Amino acid sequence: MTDGRQFTPLMIAEPNRDAFEQMAERIESDVDKEGWDQPNRLFRINTHASPLAGMSALMVAEVPWPEAVARSHPIQALKMDLNAVLALPAKDLGLDQFVGLALATEGWMLSARVDDEAAVAEVNAISGRREVHKHPDRIEVRTVMLIAPGTQVQVLRQRGHAPDLVDVAADAGAVPDALRALFAAFVVRRLRVMAGLS
């Protein structure tokens, strides 16, 4: 099981896109220090008041996942965690200052020039069949996806390379969809707690 450890807080003026990009890069950097071939890892992002005037702190805590969940496909892991979120008492979720979730996951990627329609179609077909791991030109990557209100951030690192902050569409695939669903479950639980309903 992951240990649920805390990360160094990020001091910010407000929780905006720039702050979430910095946090996603920091999470990826911390994960990278522990090497490759890691299981899926989920992180909860909270805000906390700071003694510095006009500042607050973005705090990240790893969500403890059983080994079987962490080693499963990221979509399955997120769906299993979604069920766990709905079942846990609100006091155990740390919802009072919750602002986002981040997922660190490893996998395979194929790339194609966006202006090469045939190559893009081939990559999409291979991805749709979930056969990227069999392709001779596959690239091993780690992705950190961060979801916060109105924000989706992604940091991508190819094995042996520096990380890149990449632009992603709001509907960028099944894994982001599953992460957004889990984020929405946290938000709903938070609203219910604030309303005294849960």
Protein backbone atom coordinates (compact mmCIF):
# COMPACT_ATOMS: atom_id res chain seq x y z
CA MET A 1 0.00 0.00 0.00
CA THR A 2 1.24 3.51 -0.75
CA ASP A 3 2.17 5.40 2.40
CA GLY A 4 0.03 8.53 2.03
CA ARG A 5 3.02 10.79 2.64
CA GLN A 6 2.83 14.58 2.47
CA PHE A 7 4.72 16.69 -0.07
CA THR A 8 6.36 20.06 0.51
CA PRO A 9 3.65 22.77 0.31
CA LEU A 10 3.62 25.28 -2.53
CA MET A 11 3.04 28.86 -1.39
CA ILE A 12 0.62 30.70 -3.69
CA ALA A 13 -1.41 33.91 -3.86
CA GLU A 14 -4.43 32.10 -5.29
CA PRO A 15 -5.19 28.60 -6.60
CA ASN A 16 -5.08 29.42 -10.33
CA ARG A 17 -3.85 27.55 -13.40
CA ASP A 18 -0.23 28.68 -12.94
CA ALA A 19 -0.23 27.33 -9.39
CA PHE A 20 -1.71 23.99 -10.48
CA GLU A 21 0.85 23.70 -13.29
CA GLN A 22 3.64 24.25 -10.76
CA MET A 23 2.10 21.64 -8.47
CA ALA A 24 1.77 19.07 -11.27
CA GLU A 25 5.43 19.62 -12.18
CA ARG A 26 6.44 19.27 -8.53
CA ILE A 27 4.48 16.01 -8.14
CA GLU A 28 6.09 14.55 -11.28
CA SER A 29 9.54 15.58 -10.08
CA ASP A 30 9.00 13.95 -6.69
CA VAL A 31 7.64 10.78 -8.29
CA ASP A 32 10.58 10.68 -10.72
CA LYS A 33 13.04 10.64 -7.82
CA GLU A 34 11.70 7.18 -6.97
CA GLY A 35 12.41 5.83 -10.45
CA TRP A 36 10.35 4.04 -13.07
CA ASP A 37 8.07 1.00 -13.04
CA GLN A 38 5.94 2.44 -10.25
CA PRO A 39 2.25 1.68 -9.69
CA ASN A 40 -0.48 4.23 -10.27
CA ARG A 41 -0.41 6.94 -7.59
CA LEU A 42 -3.24 9.29 -6.62
CA PHE A 43 -2.76 12.62 -4.86
CA ARG A 44 -5.29 14.87 -3.13
CA ILE A 45 -4.65 18.62 -3.25
CA ASN A 46 -5.88 20.89 -0.46
CA THR A 47 -5.42 24.56 0.37
CA HIS A 48 -4.35 25.76 3.80
CA ALA A 49 -4.12 29.25 5.26
CA SER A 50 -0.62 30.69 5.57
CA PRO A 51 0.81 33.07 8.18
CA LEU A 52 2.14 35.12 5.25
CA ALA A 53 -0.25 37.94 4.36
CA GLY A 54 -2.24 37.29 1.19
CA MET A 55 -0.79 33.81 0.71
CA SER A 56 -2.07 30.29 1.08
CA ALA A 57 -0.43 26.90 0.70
CA LEU A 58 -1.25 24.17 -1.80
CA MET A 59 -0.75 20.92 0.08
CA VAL A 60 -0.47 17.51 -1.57
CA ALA A 61 -1.03 14.21 0.20
CA GLU A 62 -0.79 10.83 -1.45
CA VAL A 63 -4.00 8.82 -1.20
CA PRO A 64 -3.19 5.35 0.18
CA TRP A 65 -4.12 2.70 -2.39
CA PRO A 66 -4.01 -1.06 -1.79
CA GLU A 67 -1.38 -2.71 -3.99
CA ALA A 68 -4.03 -4.49 -6.07
CA VAL A 69 -5.67 -1.15 -6.90
CA ALA A 70 -2.40 0.67 -7.56
CA ARG A 71 -1.19 -2.07 -9.95
CA SER A 72 -4.44 -2.28 -11.94
CA HIS A 73 -5.21 -0.32 -15.12
CA PRO A 74 -5.53 3.38 -14.15
CA ILE A 75 -9.18 3.48 -15.26
CA GLN A 76 -10.02 0.50 -13.07
CA ALA A 77 -8.04 1.99 -10.17
CA LEU A 78 -9.91 5.29 -10.39
CA LYS A 79 -13.29 3.56 -10.61
CA MET A 80 -12.47 1.42 -7.58
CA ASP A 81 -11.43 4.54 -5.70
CA LEU A 82 -14.64 6.26 -6.78
CA ASN A 83 -16.62 3.54 -5.04
CA ALA A 84 -14.40 3.90 -1.97
CA VAL A 85 -14.95 7.67 -1.88
CA LEU A 86 -18.70 7.20 -1.94
CA ALA A 87 -18.48 4.71 0.93
CA LEU A 88 -16.08 6.52 3.27
CA PRO A 89 -17.30 8.77 6.11
CA ALA A 90 -16.86 12.43 5.19
CA LYS A 91 -14.53 13.00 8.16
CA ASP A 92 -12.02 10.61 6.55
CA LEU A 93 -11.89 12.40 3.20
CA GLY A 94 -10.29 15.71 4.17
CA LEU A 95 -12.89 17.57 2.17
CA ASP A 96 -12.96 20.91 3.96
CA GLN A 97 -10.06 22.39 1.95
CA PHE A 98 -10.11 20.04 -1.07
CA VAL A 99 -9.32 21.67 -4.45
CA GLY A 100 -8.02 18.97 -6.79
CA LEU A 101 -6.74 15.51 -7.62
CA ALA A 102 -3.66 14.35 -9.49
CA LEU A 103 -2.85 10.94 -10.94
CA ALA A 104 0.66 9.71 -11.74
CA THR A 105 0.67 6.77 -14.12
CA GLU A 106 3.09 5.08 -16.51
CA GLY A 107 2.36 3.57 -19.90
CA TRP A 108 3.17 3.47 -23.60
CA MET A 109 2.63 6.13 -26.24
CA LEU A 110 2.89 6.45 -30.00
CA SER A 111 3.42 9.80 -31.64
CA ALA A 112 2.50 11.17 -35.07
CA ARG A 113 2.71 14.57 -36.72
CA VAL A 114 -0.66 16.26 -36.43
CA ASP A 115 -0.57 17.19 -40.13
CA ASP A 116 -0.09 13.54 -41.17
CA GLU A 117 -3.70 12.36 -41.19
CA ALA A 118 -2.86 8.76 -42.11
CA ALA A 119 -0.31 8.44 -39.30
CA VAL A 120 -2.71 10.02 -36.80
CA ALA A 121 -5.46 7.62 -37.90
CA GLU A 122 -3.10 4.64 -37.48
CA VAL A 123 -2.05 5.76 -33.99
CA ASN A 124 -5.70 6.25 -33.00
CA ALA A 125 -6.60 2.79 -34.32
CA ILE A 126 -3.74 1.11 -32.45
CA SER A 127 -4.63 3.01 -29.27
CA GLY A 128 -8.27 2.06 -29.65
CA ARG A 129 -7.30 -1.62 -29.78
CA ARG A 130 -5.03 -1.11 -26.72
CA GLU A 131 -2.08 -2.50 -28.64
CA VAL A 132 0.38 0.37 -28.22
CA HIS A 133 2.57 -1.81 -25.96
CA LYS A 134 3.14 -4.19 -28.92
CA HIS A 135 4.26 -1.54 -31.41
CA PRO A 136 8.03 -1.40 -32.20
CA ASP A 137 8.02 2.42 -32.07
CA ARG A 138 6.31 2.67 -28.68
CA ILE A 139 7.62 5.22 -26.18
CA GLU A 140 7.53 4.66 -22.42
CA VAL A 141 6.05 7.66 -20.64
CA ARG A 142 4.96 8.87 -17.23
CA THR A 143 1.99 11.21 -17.05
CA VAL A 144 0.83 13.35 -14.17
CA MET A 145 -2.72 14.56 -14.76
CA LEU A 146 -4.13 17.18 -12.40
CA ILE A 147 -7.81 18.10 -12.24
CA ALA A 148 -9.01 21.20 -10.38
CA PRO A 149 -12.01 23.51 -10.82
CA GLY A 150 -11.95 24.69 -14.44
CA THR A 151 -8.44 23.32 -14.92
CA GLN A 152 -6.85 20.22 -16.42
CA VAL A 153 -3.04 20.08 -16.38
CA GLN A 154 -0.76 17.35 -17.71
CA VAL A 155 2.97 16.78 -17.32
CA LEU A 156 4.49 14.17 -19.63
CA ARG A 157 7.95 12.63 -19.30
CA GLN A 158 9.43 10.20 -21.79
CA ARG A 159 11.78 7.74 -20.16
CA GLY A 160 15.28 9.21 -20.24
CA HIS A 161 14.05 12.75 -21.04
CA ALA A 162 13.06 15.92 -19.21
CA PRO A 163 9.36 16.43 -18.46
CA ASP A 164 7.10 18.65 -20.56
CA LEU A 165 3.97 20.55 -19.60
CA VAL A 166 1.58 19.63 -22.42
CA ASP A 167 -1.68 21.12 -23.63
CA VAL A 168 -4.55 18.68 -23.37
CA ALA A 169 -8.12 18.86 -24.60
CA ALA A 170 -10.83 18.80 -21.96
CA ASP A 171 -12.01 15.47 -23.40
CA ALA A 172 -8.55 13.93 -23.79
CA GLY A 173 -9.42 10.31 -23.14
CA ALA A 174 -10.76 7.62 -20.84
CA VAL A 175 -8.21 8.08 -18.05
CA PRO A 176 -8.83 11.85 -17.71
CA ASP A 177 -12.57 11.10 -17.83
CA ALA A 178 -12.20 8.65 -14.93
CA LEU A 179 -10.10 11.15 -12.96
CA ARG A 180 -12.70 13.88 -13.59
CA ALA A 181 -15.46 11.52 -12.37
CA LEU A 182 -13.53 10.89 -9.15
CA PHE A 183 -12.90 14.63 -8.74
CA ALA A 184 -16.63 15.29 -9.23
CA ALA A 185 -17.43 12.72 -6.53
CA PHE A 186 -15.14 14.56 -4.12
CA VAL A 187 -16.78 17.88 -5.01
CA VAL A 188 -20.29 16.49 -4.48
CA ARG A 189 -19.30 14.99 -1.13
CA ARG A 190 -17.74 18.32 -0.13
CA LEU A 191 -20.92 20.22 -1.01
CA ARG A 192 -23.02 17.72 0.92
CA VAL A 193 -20.73 18.09 3.95
CA MET A 194 -20.97 21.88 3.77
CA ALA A 195 -24.76 21.61 3.57
CA GLY A 196 -24.84 19.23 6.54
CA LEU A 197 -26.19 16.37 4.42
CA SER A 198 -23.30 13.93 4.70
